[in-house]
């Protein structure tokens, strides 16, 4: 089942497709998880751009700088667009690293799955007790069970950027997850248990 209303999702997807025709960006957030896993769609758009493309966006849209969140924001047809830039926005994995480590999926640039997982964890930590935090946890579980995560590389990133708490936070999310699996259409308790055990085992492998 979808997390958000279908009408909102469809509108967001149209805006995203139009944006791709005009701007070069790396897609992060829920839509990036969707293109990697084909599970749940998103309602908001989150992108990383260089300053040249930020200037292009400003010619097209009414862009506002949100200083305390270290990002820029725009809105199109009720769809929120969060825009992040190098040397300003603060991510657990530096933007410069993300620019060097992305995939192209359906013509969208997306961070490598392990980086995207860490970014999702960062978002979840920042808004844990909110509806968006719940969606972050669904996306985290979705990535974890997708078979696309190289856990050894994940641990290398965690070590490289001094994010050791991310491993323990990941373990906590997996252990307490229940409704997150339901959103992904997994309702069998036996199946959920097997998936949890698999993730936890992979997470501990050095």
N, C-alpha and C. Protein backbone atom coordinates (compact mmCIF):
# COMPACT_ATOMS: atom_id res chain seq x y z
N UNK A 1 0.84 -1.20 0.00
CA UNK A 1 0.00 0.00 0.00
C UNK A 1 0.87 1.24 0.00
N UNK A 2 0.42 2.28 -0.67
CA UNK A 2 1.19 3.52 -0.73
C UNK A 2 1.09 4.27 0.60
N UNK A 3 2.13 4.98 0.94
CA UNK A 3 2.17 5.75 2.18
C UNK A 3 1.39 7.05 2.04
N UNK A 4 1.46 7.65 0.86
CA UNK A 4 0.81 8.94 0.62
C UNK A 4 -0.37 8.78 -0.34
N UNK A 5 -1.18 9.82 -0.44
CA UNK A 5 -2.32 9.85 -1.35
C UNK A 5 -1.86 9.77 -2.80
N UNK A 6 -2.55 8.95 -3.59
CA UNK A 6 -2.14 8.72 -4.99
C UNK A 6 -2.14 10.00 -5.83
N UNK A 7 -3.10 10.87 -5.60
CA UNK A 7 -3.18 12.12 -6.37
C UNK A 7 -1.93 12.98 -6.11
N UNK A 8 -1.54 13.06 -4.84
CA UNK A 8 -0.35 13.83 -4.47
C UNK A 8 0.90 13.21 -5.08
N UNK A 9 0.98 11.88 -5.04
CA UNK A 9 2.12 11.15 -5.60
C UNK A 9 2.24 11.39 -7.10
N UNK A 10 1.13 11.27 -7.81
CA UNK A 10 1.14 11.44 -9.27
C UNK A 10 1.57 12.85 -9.66
N UNK A 11 1.08 13.83 -8.92
CA UNK A 11 1.45 15.23 -9.19
C UNK A 11 2.94 15.43 -8.96
N UNK A 12 3.45 14.88 -7.87
CA UNK A 12 4.88 14.98 -7.56
C UNK A 12 5.72 14.34 -8.66
N UNK A 13 5.27 13.19 -9.16
CA UNK A 13 6.02 12.48 -10.20
C UNK A 13 6.08 13.31 -11.49
N UNK A 14 4.98 13.96 -11.84
CA UNK A 14 4.95 14.82 -13.03
C UNK A 14 5.93 15.99 -12.88
N UNK A 15 5.92 16.60 -11.71
CA UNK A 15 6.84 17.71 -11.45
C UNK A 15 8.29 17.24 -11.55
N UNK A 16 8.56 16.06 -11.01
CA UNK A 16 9.92 15.50 -11.05
C UNK A 16 10.37 15.27 -12.49
N UNK A 17 9.49 14.72 -13.31
CA UNK A 17 9.83 14.46 -14.71
C UNK A 17 10.11 15.76 -15.46
N UNK A 18 9.33 16.78 -15.20
CA UNK A 18 9.55 18.08 -15.85
C UNK A 18 10.85 18.71 -15.39
N UNK A 19 11.15 18.56 -14.12
CA UNK A 19 12.38 19.12 -13.56
C UNK A 19 13.60 18.48 -14.21
N UNK A 20 13.54 17.19 -14.45
CA UNK A 20 14.66 16.45 -15.06
C UNK A 20 14.98 16.96 -16.46
N UNK A 21 13.98 17.46 -17.17
CA UNK A 21 14.19 17.95 -18.53
C UNK A 21 14.98 19.27 -18.55
N UNK A 22 14.98 19.97 -17.42
CA UNK A 22 15.56 21.32 -17.39
C UNK A 22 16.83 21.42 -16.55
N UNK A 23 16.96 20.54 -15.56
CA UNK A 23 18.03 20.69 -14.56
C UNK A 23 18.81 19.38 -14.42
N UNK A 24 20.12 19.52 -14.22
CA UNK A 24 20.96 18.35 -13.91
C UNK A 24 21.07 18.25 -12.39
N UNK A 25 20.63 17.13 -11.83
CA UNK A 25 20.66 16.98 -10.37
C UNK A 25 20.85 15.52 -9.98
N UNK A 26 21.20 15.33 -8.71
CA UNK A 26 21.20 13.99 -8.12
C UNK A 26 19.96 13.90 -7.25
N UNK A 27 19.17 12.88 -7.49
CA UNK A 27 17.92 12.68 -6.76
C UNK A 27 18.18 11.90 -5.49
N UNK A 28 17.69 12.41 -4.36
CA UNK A 28 17.81 11.68 -3.10
C UNK A 28 16.41 11.52 -2.51
N UNK A 29 16.31 11.11 -1.26
CA UNK A 29 15.01 11.01 -0.61
C UNK A 29 14.17 9.84 -1.11
N UNK A 30 12.86 9.97 -0.86
CA UNK A 30 11.93 8.88 -1.16
C UNK A 30 11.86 8.48 -2.62
N UNK A 31 11.93 9.46 -3.52
CA UNK A 31 11.88 9.11 -4.95
C UNK A 31 13.10 8.31 -5.37
N UNK A 32 14.25 8.62 -4.81
CA UNK A 32 15.46 7.85 -5.13
C UNK A 32 15.30 6.40 -4.67
N UNK A 33 14.74 6.22 -3.47
CA UNK A 33 14.49 4.86 -2.97
C UNK A 33 13.52 4.14 -3.89
N UNK A 34 12.51 4.85 -4.36
CA UNK A 34 11.53 4.23 -5.26
C UNK A 34 12.19 3.74 -6.55
N UNK A 35 13.01 4.56 -7.17
CA UNK A 35 13.62 4.15 -8.44
C UNK A 35 14.59 2.98 -8.26
N UNK A 36 15.17 2.86 -7.08
CA UNK A 36 16.06 1.73 -6.82
C UNK A 36 15.30 0.45 -6.50
N UNK A 37 14.16 0.58 -5.84
CA UNK A 37 13.46 -0.61 -5.31
C UNK A 37 12.10 -0.87 -5.94
N UNK A 38 11.51 0.14 -6.56
CA UNK A 38 10.16 0.04 -7.13
C UNK A 38 9.12 -0.31 -6.08
N UNK A 39 9.32 0.18 -4.87
CA UNK A 39 8.37 -0.08 -3.79
C UNK A 39 7.46 1.14 -3.60
N UNK A 40 7.68 1.92 -2.56
CA UNK A 40 6.80 3.06 -2.28
C UNK A 40 7.26 4.34 -2.95
N UNK A 41 6.30 5.09 -3.47
CA UNK A 41 6.60 6.37 -4.11
C UNK A 41 6.67 7.47 -3.05
N UNK A 42 6.94 8.69 -3.50
CA UNK A 42 7.12 9.81 -2.57
C UNK A 42 6.19 10.96 -2.94
N UNK A 43 6.08 11.92 -2.04
CA UNK A 43 5.27 13.11 -2.35
C UNK A 43 6.12 14.37 -2.47
N UNK A 44 7.28 14.35 -1.82
CA UNK A 44 8.20 15.49 -1.91
C UNK A 44 9.38 15.13 -2.81
N UNK A 45 10.06 16.15 -3.29
CA UNK A 45 11.22 15.96 -4.16
C UNK A 45 12.45 16.52 -3.45
N UNK A 46 13.49 15.71 -3.38
CA UNK A 46 14.75 16.13 -2.74
C UNK A 46 15.88 15.96 -3.75
N UNK A 47 16.60 17.04 -4.02
CA UNK A 47 17.66 16.97 -5.03
C UNK A 47 18.93 17.68 -4.55
N UNK A 48 20.06 17.23 -5.11
CA UNK A 48 21.34 17.90 -4.90
C UNK A 48 21.76 18.49 -6.24
N UNK A 49 22.15 19.76 -6.23
CA UNK A 49 22.59 20.41 -7.46
C UNK A 49 23.90 21.17 -7.21
N UNK A 50 24.63 21.44 -8.29
CA UNK A 50 25.76 22.35 -8.18
C UNK A 50 25.23 23.78 -8.30
N UNK A 51 26.10 24.76 -8.15
CA UNK A 51 25.63 26.15 -8.13
C UNK A 51 25.14 26.63 -9.50
N UNK A 52 25.69 26.06 -10.55
CA UNK A 52 25.22 26.41 -11.90
C UNK A 52 23.76 26.01 -12.08
N UNK A 53 23.42 24.81 -11.62
CA UNK A 53 22.04 24.35 -11.76
C UNK A 53 21.11 25.00 -10.74
N UNK A 54 21.65 25.41 -9.60
CA UNK A 54 20.84 26.20 -8.67
C UNK A 54 20.42 27.50 -9.33
N UNK A 55 21.34 28.12 -10.07
CA UNK A 55 21.01 29.36 -10.78
C UNK A 55 19.92 29.12 -11.82
N UNK A 56 19.98 27.97 -12.51
CA UNK A 56 18.95 27.63 -13.50
C UNK A 56 17.58 27.47 -12.83
N UNK A 57 17.57 26.80 -11.68
CA UNK A 57 16.31 26.61 -10.96
C UNK A 57 15.73 27.96 -10.56
N UNK A 58 16.59 28.87 -10.15
CA UNK A 58 16.12 30.19 -9.71
C UNK A 58 15.50 30.99 -10.85
N UNK A 59 15.91 30.70 -12.07
CA UNK A 59 15.30 31.35 -13.22
C UNK A 59 13.91 30.80 -13.49
N UNK A 60 13.69 29.55 -13.09
CA UNK A 60 12.42 28.86 -13.37
C UNK A 60 11.41 29.00 -12.23
N UNK A 61 11.92 28.97 -10.98
CA UNK A 61 11.04 28.87 -9.82
C UNK A 61 11.34 29.93 -8.78
N UNK A 62 10.38 30.13 -7.89
CA UNK A 62 10.57 31.01 -6.74
C UNK A 62 11.28 30.19 -5.66
N UNK A 63 12.58 30.39 -5.53
CA UNK A 63 13.41 29.60 -4.62
C UNK A 63 13.71 30.41 -3.36
N UNK A 64 13.50 29.77 -2.21
CA UNK A 64 13.77 30.43 -0.93
C UNK A 64 14.89 29.70 -0.20
N UNK A 65 15.75 30.47 0.43
CA UNK A 65 16.85 29.91 1.21
C UNK A 65 16.38 29.70 2.64
N UNK A 66 16.56 28.47 3.14
CA UNK A 66 16.19 28.15 4.52
C UNK A 66 17.47 27.93 5.31
N UNK A 67 17.94 29.00 5.95
CA UNK A 67 19.25 28.99 6.58
C UNK A 67 19.44 27.94 7.66
N UNK A 68 18.46 27.81 8.57
CA UNK A 68 18.66 26.90 9.70
C UNK A 68 18.63 25.43 9.28
N UNK A 69 18.06 25.14 8.11
CA UNK A 69 18.06 23.77 7.59
C UNK A 69 19.12 23.56 6.51
N UNK A 70 19.86 24.62 6.19
CA UNK A 70 20.96 24.53 5.22
C UNK A 70 20.50 23.99 3.86
N UNK A 71 19.41 24.54 3.35
CA UNK A 71 18.90 24.10 2.05
C UNK A 71 18.11 25.23 1.41
N UNK A 72 17.72 25.00 0.16
CA UNK A 72 16.83 25.90 -0.56
C UNK A 72 15.52 25.17 -0.79
N UNK A 73 14.44 25.92 -0.91
CA UNK A 73 13.12 25.31 -1.07
C UNK A 73 12.35 25.99 -2.21
N UNK A 74 11.57 25.18 -2.90
CA UNK A 74 10.67 25.69 -3.93
C UNK A 74 9.40 24.85 -3.89
N UNK A 75 8.38 25.33 -4.57
CA UNK A 75 7.12 24.58 -4.62
C UNK A 75 6.52 24.71 -6.02
N UNK A 76 6.08 23.59 -6.57
CA UNK A 76 5.43 23.57 -7.87
C UNK A 76 4.15 22.75 -7.76
N UNK A 77 3.02 23.37 -8.04
CA UNK A 77 1.73 22.69 -8.01
C UNK A 77 1.50 21.96 -6.68
N UNK A 78 1.93 22.57 -5.60
CA UNK A 78 1.73 21.96 -4.29
C UNK A 78 2.78 20.93 -3.91
N UNK A 79 3.73 20.66 -4.80
CA UNK A 79 4.80 19.71 -4.52
C UNK A 79 6.03 20.44 -3.99
N UNK A 80 6.49 20.04 -2.81
CA UNK A 80 7.67 20.66 -2.21
C UNK A 80 8.94 20.12 -2.84
N UNK A 81 9.86 21.02 -3.16
CA UNK A 81 11.17 20.64 -3.70
C UNK A 81 12.23 21.17 -2.74
N UNK A 82 12.98 20.27 -2.14
CA UNK A 82 14.10 20.64 -1.28
C UNK A 82 15.39 20.52 -2.08
N UNK A 83 16.18 21.59 -2.08
CA UNK A 83 17.36 21.68 -2.94
C UNK A 83 18.60 21.84 -2.06
N UNK A 84 19.56 20.94 -2.26
CA UNK A 84 20.78 20.94 -1.45
C UNK A 84 21.98 21.23 -2.34
N UNK A 85 22.96 21.94 -1.79
CA UNK A 85 24.12 22.35 -2.58
C UNK A 85 25.42 22.08 -1.83
N UNK A 86 26.53 21.93 -2.56
CA UNK A 86 27.83 21.69 -1.92
C UNK A 86 28.26 22.86 -1.04
N UNK A 87 29.07 22.56 -0.03
CA UNK A 87 29.70 23.56 0.84
C UNK A 87 28.70 24.38 1.64
N UNK A 88 27.44 23.95 1.64
CA UNK A 88 26.42 24.66 2.41
C UNK A 88 25.53 23.66 3.14
N UNK A 89 24.92 22.77 2.39
CA UNK A 89 24.06 21.75 2.98
C UNK A 89 24.90 20.73 3.74
N UNK A 90 24.35 20.23 4.84
CA UNK A 90 25.10 19.33 5.71
C UNK A 90 24.51 17.92 5.66
N UNK A 91 25.30 17.00 5.11
CA UNK A 91 24.90 15.60 5.04
C UNK A 91 25.90 14.73 5.77
N UNK A 92 25.44 13.57 6.24
CA UNK A 92 26.33 12.62 6.91
C UNK A 92 27.45 12.18 5.97
N UNK A 93 27.10 12.02 4.70
CA UNK A 93 28.09 11.77 3.65
C UNK A 93 28.23 13.07 2.85
N UNK A 94 29.42 13.64 2.79
CA UNK A 94 29.57 14.94 2.10
C UNK A 94 29.07 14.91 0.66
N UNK A 95 28.51 16.02 0.24
CA UNK A 95 27.97 16.12 -1.12
C UNK A 95 29.04 15.83 -2.17
N UNK A 96 30.27 16.24 -1.90
CA UNK A 96 31.35 15.98 -2.86
C UNK A 96 31.52 14.47 -3.08
N UNK A 97 31.36 13.70 -2.03
CA UNK A 97 31.43 12.23 -2.12
C UNK A 97 30.25 11.68 -2.92
N UNK A 98 29.09 12.26 -2.73
CA UNK A 98 27.89 11.83 -3.45
C UNK A 98 28.04 12.10 -4.94
N UNK A 99 28.60 13.26 -5.30
CA UNK A 99 28.82 13.59 -6.70
C UNK A 99 29.75 12.58 -7.39
N UNK A 100 30.61 11.94 -6.61
CA UNK A 100 31.54 10.95 -7.18
C UNK A 100 30.98 9.53 -7.17
N UNK A 101 29.88 9.32 -6.48
CA UNK A 101 29.38 7.95 -6.29
C UNK A 101 27.87 7.87 -6.51
N UNK A 102 27.49 7.86 -7.76
CA UNK A 102 26.06 7.76 -8.07
C UNK A 102 25.82 6.76 -9.20
N UNK A 103 24.57 6.32 -9.30
CA UNK A 103 24.12 5.44 -10.37
C UNK A 103 23.17 6.24 -11.25
N UNK A 104 22.91 5.74 -12.45
CA UNK A 104 21.86 6.32 -13.29
C UNK A 104 20.78 5.26 -13.45
N UNK A 105 19.59 5.57 -12.94
CA UNK A 105 18.46 4.65 -12.98
C UNK A 105 17.29 5.37 -13.63
N UNK A 106 16.83 4.82 -14.75
CA UNK A 106 15.72 5.44 -15.50
C UNK A 106 15.99 6.93 -15.76
N UNK A 107 17.22 7.21 -16.15
CA UNK A 107 17.67 8.56 -16.51
C UNK A 107 17.78 9.52 -15.32
N UNK A 108 17.68 8.99 -14.12
CA UNK A 108 17.89 9.80 -12.93
C UNK A 108 19.21 9.42 -12.27
N UNK A 109 19.98 10.43 -11.88
CA UNK A 109 21.19 10.18 -11.09
C UNK A 109 20.76 9.98 -9.63
N UNK A 110 21.22 8.87 -9.05
CA UNK A 110 20.85 8.50 -7.69
C UNK A 110 22.11 8.07 -6.94
N UNK A 111 22.27 8.45 -5.68
CA UNK A 111 23.45 7.99 -4.93
C UNK A 111 23.51 6.46 -4.87
N UNK A 112 24.71 5.94 -4.74
CA UNK A 112 24.83 4.50 -4.53
C UNK A 112 23.94 4.10 -3.36
N UNK A 113 23.36 2.89 -3.40
CA UNK A 113 22.38 2.48 -2.38
C UNK A 113 22.87 2.66 -0.95
N UNK A 114 24.14 2.36 -0.70
CA UNK A 114 24.67 2.46 0.65
C UNK A 114 24.70 3.91 1.14
N UNK A 115 25.02 4.82 0.23
CA UNK A 115 25.01 6.25 0.58
C UNK A 115 23.58 6.71 0.81
N UNK A 116 22.68 6.29 -0.06
CA UNK A 116 21.27 6.66 0.08
C UNK A 116 20.71 6.16 1.41
N UNK A 117 21.10 4.95 1.81
CA UNK A 117 20.65 4.40 3.09
C UNK A 117 21.11 5.29 4.24
N UNK A 118 22.36 5.71 4.20
CA UNK A 118 22.88 6.58 5.26
C UNK A 118 22.15 7.93 5.28
N UNK A 119 21.88 8.48 4.11
CA UNK A 119 21.13 9.75 4.04
C UNK A 119 19.73 9.58 4.61
N UNK A 120 19.12 8.43 4.33
CA UNK A 120 17.79 8.14 4.87
C UNK A 120 17.84 8.02 6.39
N UNK A 121 18.89 7.38 6.89
CA UNK A 121 19.05 7.28 8.34
C UNK A 121 19.21 8.66 8.97
N UNK A 122 19.98 9.51 8.33
CA UNK A 122 20.17 10.87 8.84
C UNK A 122 18.82 11.59 8.91
N UNK A 123 18.03 11.48 7.86
CA UNK A 123 16.72 12.13 7.84
C UNK A 123 15.83 11.58 8.95
N UNK A 124 15.86 10.26 9.13
CA UNK A 124 15.02 9.62 10.16
C UNK A 124 15.40 10.10 11.55
N UNK A 125 16.69 10.24 11.81
CA UNK A 125 17.15 10.71 13.12
C UNK A 125 16.68 12.13 13.39
N UNK A 126 16.60 12.93 12.35
CA UNK A 126 16.24 14.35 12.51
C UNK A 126 14.74 14.56 12.69
N UNK A 127 13.93 13.60 12.26
CA UNK A 127 12.47 13.77 12.36
C UNK A 127 11.78 12.49 12.80
N UNK A 128 12.40 11.83 13.74
CA UNK A 128 11.97 10.49 14.17
C UNK A 128 10.51 10.43 14.60
N UNK A 129 10.05 11.40 15.33
CA UNK A 129 8.70 11.35 15.89
C UNK A 129 7.67 12.07 15.02
N UNK A 130 7.81 11.92 13.71
CA UNK A 130 6.88 12.55 12.77
C UNK A 130 6.42 11.55 11.73
N UNK A 131 5.42 11.94 10.96
CA UNK A 131 4.94 11.07 9.88
C UNK A 131 6.05 10.84 8.85
N UNK A 132 6.80 11.89 8.55
CA UNK A 132 7.90 11.74 7.59
C UNK A 132 8.98 10.81 8.15
N UNK A 133 9.18 10.84 9.46
CA UNK A 133 10.12 9.92 10.07
C UNK A 133 9.68 8.48 9.91
N UNK A 134 8.37 8.26 10.00
CA UNK A 134 7.83 6.92 9.76
C UNK A 134 8.10 6.47 8.33
N UNK A 135 7.89 7.38 7.37
CA UNK A 135 8.17 7.04 5.97
C UNK A 135 9.66 6.78 5.77
N UNK A 136 10.51 7.53 6.46
CA UNK A 136 11.96 7.27 6.39
C UNK A 136 12.27 5.84 6.82
N UNK A 137 11.63 5.38 7.90
CA UNK A 137 11.89 4.02 8.38
C UNK A 137 11.40 2.98 7.39
N UNK A 138 10.29 3.25 6.74
CA UNK A 138 9.82 2.34 5.68
C UNK A 138 10.85 2.27 4.56
N UNK A 139 11.37 3.42 4.15
CA UNK A 139 12.38 3.46 3.09
C UNK A 139 13.66 2.76 3.52
N UNK A 140 14.04 2.91 4.78
CA UNK A 140 15.24 2.25 5.30
C UNK A 140 15.09 0.73 5.24
N UNK A 141 13.95 0.24 5.71
CA UNK A 141 13.69 -1.21 5.65
C UNK A 141 13.63 -1.67 4.20
N UNK A 142 13.01 -0.87 3.35
CA UNK A 142 12.90 -1.20 1.92
C UNK A 142 14.28 -1.38 1.30
N UNK A 143 15.18 -0.46 1.56
CA UNK A 143 16.55 -0.57 1.04
C UNK A 143 17.27 -1.77 1.64
N UNK A 144 17.07 -1.99 2.94
CA UNK A 144 17.78 -3.07 3.63
C UNK A 144 17.41 -4.45 3.11
N UNK A 145 16.15 -4.62 2.70
CA UNK A 145 15.70 -5.94 2.22
C UNK A 145 15.78 -6.07 0.69
N UNK A 146 16.23 -5.01 0.03
CA UNK A 146 16.21 -4.98 -1.44
C UNK A 146 17.26 -5.87 -2.09
N UNK A 147 18.29 -6.23 -1.32
CA UNK A 147 19.40 -7.00 -1.89
C UNK A 147 20.40 -6.11 -2.61
N UNK A 148 20.21 -4.80 -2.55
CA UNK A 148 21.09 -3.87 -3.27
C UNK A 148 22.17 -3.26 -2.37
N UNK A 149 22.11 -3.53 -1.08
CA UNK A 149 23.08 -2.96 -0.15
C UNK A 149 24.29 -3.87 -0.01
N UNK A 150 25.46 -3.32 -0.27
CA UNK A 150 26.72 -3.99 0.03
C UNK A 150 27.08 -3.56 1.46
N UNK A 151 26.81 -4.45 2.41
CA UNK A 151 26.97 -4.07 3.81
C UNK A 151 28.42 -3.79 4.17
N UNK A 152 29.35 -4.42 3.49
CA UNK A 152 30.76 -4.14 3.74
C UNK A 152 31.09 -2.70 3.35
N UNK A 153 30.59 -2.27 2.20
CA UNK A 153 30.80 -0.89 1.74
C UNK A 153 30.08 0.09 2.68
N UNK A 154 28.88 -0.27 3.12
CA UNK A 154 28.14 0.55 4.08
C UNK A 154 28.98 0.80 5.32
N UNK A 155 29.58 -0.27 5.84
CA UNK A 155 30.40 -0.15 7.06
C UNK A 155 31.66 0.67 6.81
N UNK A 156 32.20 0.57 5.59
CA UNK A 156 33.36 1.39 5.23
C UNK A 156 33.00 2.87 5.24
N UNK A 157 31.83 3.19 4.71
CA UNK A 157 31.37 4.59 4.71
C UNK A 157 31.15 5.09 6.14
N UNK A 158 30.52 4.26 6.94
CA UNK A 158 30.27 4.60 8.34
C UNK A 158 31.58 4.89 9.06
N UNK A 159 32.59 4.07 8.77
CA UNK A 159 33.91 4.25 9.38
C UNK A 159 34.59 5.51 8.84
N UNK A 160 34.54 5.69 7.53
CA UNK A 160 35.22 6.81 6.88
C UNK A 160 34.72 8.16 7.36
N UNK A 161 33.41 8.25 7.57
CA UNK A 161 32.82 9.54 7.94
C UNK A 161 32.42 9.62 9.41
N UNK A 162 32.99 8.70 10.21
CA UNK A 162 32.82 8.72 11.66
C UNK A 162 31.33 8.69 12.05
N UNK A 163 30.64 7.69 11.54
CA UNK A 163 29.19 7.55 11.75
C UNK A 163 28.86 6.24 12.46
N UNK A 164 29.69 5.84 13.41
CA UNK A 164 29.53 4.52 14.02
C UNK A 164 28.15 4.31 14.64
N UNK A 165 27.53 5.40 15.11
CA UNK A 165 26.20 5.25 15.71
C UNK A 165 25.16 4.80 14.68
N UNK A 166 25.46 4.99 13.39
CA UNK A 166 24.51 4.61 12.36
C UNK A 166 24.30 3.10 12.32
N UNK A 167 25.33 2.34 12.61
CA UNK A 167 25.18 0.88 12.64
C UNK A 167 24.23 0.45 13.75
N UNK A 168 24.42 0.99 14.95
CA UNK A 168 23.54 0.62 16.06
C UNK A 168 22.12 1.13 15.84
N UNK A 169 21.99 2.32 15.24
CA UNK A 169 20.66 2.85 14.92
C UNK A 169 19.96 1.98 13.88
N UNK A 170 20.73 1.51 12.91
CA UNK A 170 20.19 0.61 11.89
C UNK A 170 19.65 -0.66 12.54
N UNK A 171 20.42 -1.20 13.45
CA UNK A 171 20.01 -2.42 14.15
C UNK A 171 18.72 -2.20 14.94
N UNK A 172 18.61 -1.05 15.60
CA UNK A 172 17.40 -0.74 16.37
C UNK A 172 16.18 -0.67 15.47
N UNK A 173 16.32 0.02 14.34
CA UNK A 173 15.19 0.16 13.41
C UNK A 173 14.72 -1.20 12.92
N UNK A 174 15.67 -2.05 12.57
CA UNK A 174 15.32 -3.39 12.07
C UNK A 174 14.62 -4.20 13.16
N UNK A 175 15.13 -4.15 14.38
CA UNK A 175 14.57 -4.96 15.46
C UNK A 175 13.14 -4.57 15.81
N UNK A 176 12.84 -3.27 15.80
CA UNK A 176 11.49 -2.84 16.22
C UNK A 176 10.52 -2.71 15.05
N UNK A 177 11.01 -2.85 13.84
CA UNK A 177 10.14 -2.65 12.66
C UNK A 177 8.98 -3.64 12.64
N UNK A 178 7.80 -3.15 12.36
CA UNK A 178 6.63 -4.00 12.20
C UNK A 178 5.73 -3.44 11.11
N UNK A 179 5.18 -2.23 11.38
CA UNK A 179 4.29 -1.61 10.39
C UNK A 179 5.06 -1.26 9.12
N UNK A 180 6.37 -1.05 9.25
CA UNK A 180 7.19 -0.74 8.07
C UNK A 180 7.12 -1.87 7.05
N UNK A 181 7.14 -3.10 7.53
CA UNK A 181 7.02 -4.25 6.63
C UNK A 181 5.63 -4.32 6.02
N UNK A 182 4.62 -3.95 6.80
CA UNK A 182 3.24 -3.98 6.30
C UNK A 182 3.08 -3.02 5.12
N UNK A 183 3.69 -1.83 5.22
CA UNK A 183 3.63 -0.88 4.10
C UNK A 183 4.27 -1.44 2.84
N UNK A 184 5.20 -2.37 3.02
CA UNK A 184 5.88 -3.00 1.89
C UNK A 184 5.18 -4.28 1.44
N UNK A 185 3.99 -4.51 2.01
CA UNK A 185 3.19 -5.67 1.61
C UNK A 185 3.64 -6.98 2.23
N UNK A 186 4.46 -6.90 3.28
CA UNK A 186 4.96 -8.11 3.94
C UNK A 186 4.26 -8.24 5.28
N UNK A 187 3.30 -9.15 5.37
CA UNK A 187 2.49 -9.28 6.58
C UNK A 187 2.72 -10.58 7.33
N UNK A 188 3.37 -11.53 6.70
CA UNK A 188 3.67 -12.81 7.36
C UNK A 188 4.72 -12.60 8.45
N UNK A 189 4.37 -12.92 9.69
CA UNK A 189 5.31 -12.74 10.79
C UNK A 189 6.55 -13.60 10.60
N UNK A 190 6.36 -14.77 10.03
CA UNK A 190 7.49 -15.66 9.77
C UNK A 190 8.45 -15.03 8.75
N UNK A 191 7.87 -14.45 7.70
CA UNK A 191 8.67 -13.81 6.66
C UNK A 191 9.41 -12.59 7.22
N UNK A 192 8.70 -11.82 8.03
CA UNK A 192 9.32 -10.64 8.66
C UNK A 192 10.50 -11.06 9.53
N UNK A 193 10.30 -12.10 10.32
CA UNK A 193 11.37 -12.60 11.20
C UNK A 193 12.59 -13.03 10.39
N UNK A 194 12.36 -13.75 9.30
CA UNK A 194 13.46 -14.21 8.44
C UNK A 194 14.23 -13.02 7.86
N UNK A 195 13.49 -12.02 7.40
CA UNK A 195 14.13 -10.85 6.80
C UNK A 195 14.94 -10.07 7.83
N UNK A 196 14.38 -9.92 9.02
CA UNK A 196 15.10 -9.23 10.09
C UNK A 196 16.40 -9.96 10.42
N UNK A 197 16.31 -11.27 10.57
CA UNK A 197 17.50 -12.06 10.91
C UNK A 197 18.57 -11.94 9.83
N UNK A 198 18.14 -11.92 8.57
CA UNK A 198 19.08 -11.80 7.46
C UNK A 198 19.80 -10.45 7.49
N UNK A 199 19.04 -9.38 7.69
CA UNK A 199 19.65 -8.05 7.74
C UNK A 199 20.63 -7.95 8.91
N UNK A 200 20.20 -8.40 10.08
CA UNK A 200 21.04 -8.29 11.27
C UNK A 200 22.31 -9.10 11.13
N UNK A 201 22.20 -10.24 10.48
CA UNK A 201 23.39 -11.07 10.24
C UNK A 201 24.35 -10.37 9.30
N UNK A 202 23.82 -9.80 8.21
CA UNK A 202 24.66 -9.10 7.23
C UNK A 202 25.29 -7.85 7.84
N UNK A 203 24.55 -7.20 8.72
CA UNK A 203 25.03 -5.98 9.35
C UNK A 203 26.23 -6.25 10.26
N UNK A 204 26.31 -7.45 10.79
CA UNK A 204 27.39 -7.80 11.72
C UNK A 204 28.61 -8.38 11.03
N UNK A 205 28.48 -8.73 9.74
CA UNK A 205 29.61 -9.33 9.02
C UNK A 205 30.68 -8.29 8.76
N UNK A 206 31.93 -8.62 9.11
CA UNK A 206 33.05 -7.71 8.86
C UNK A 206 33.71 -8.04 7.53
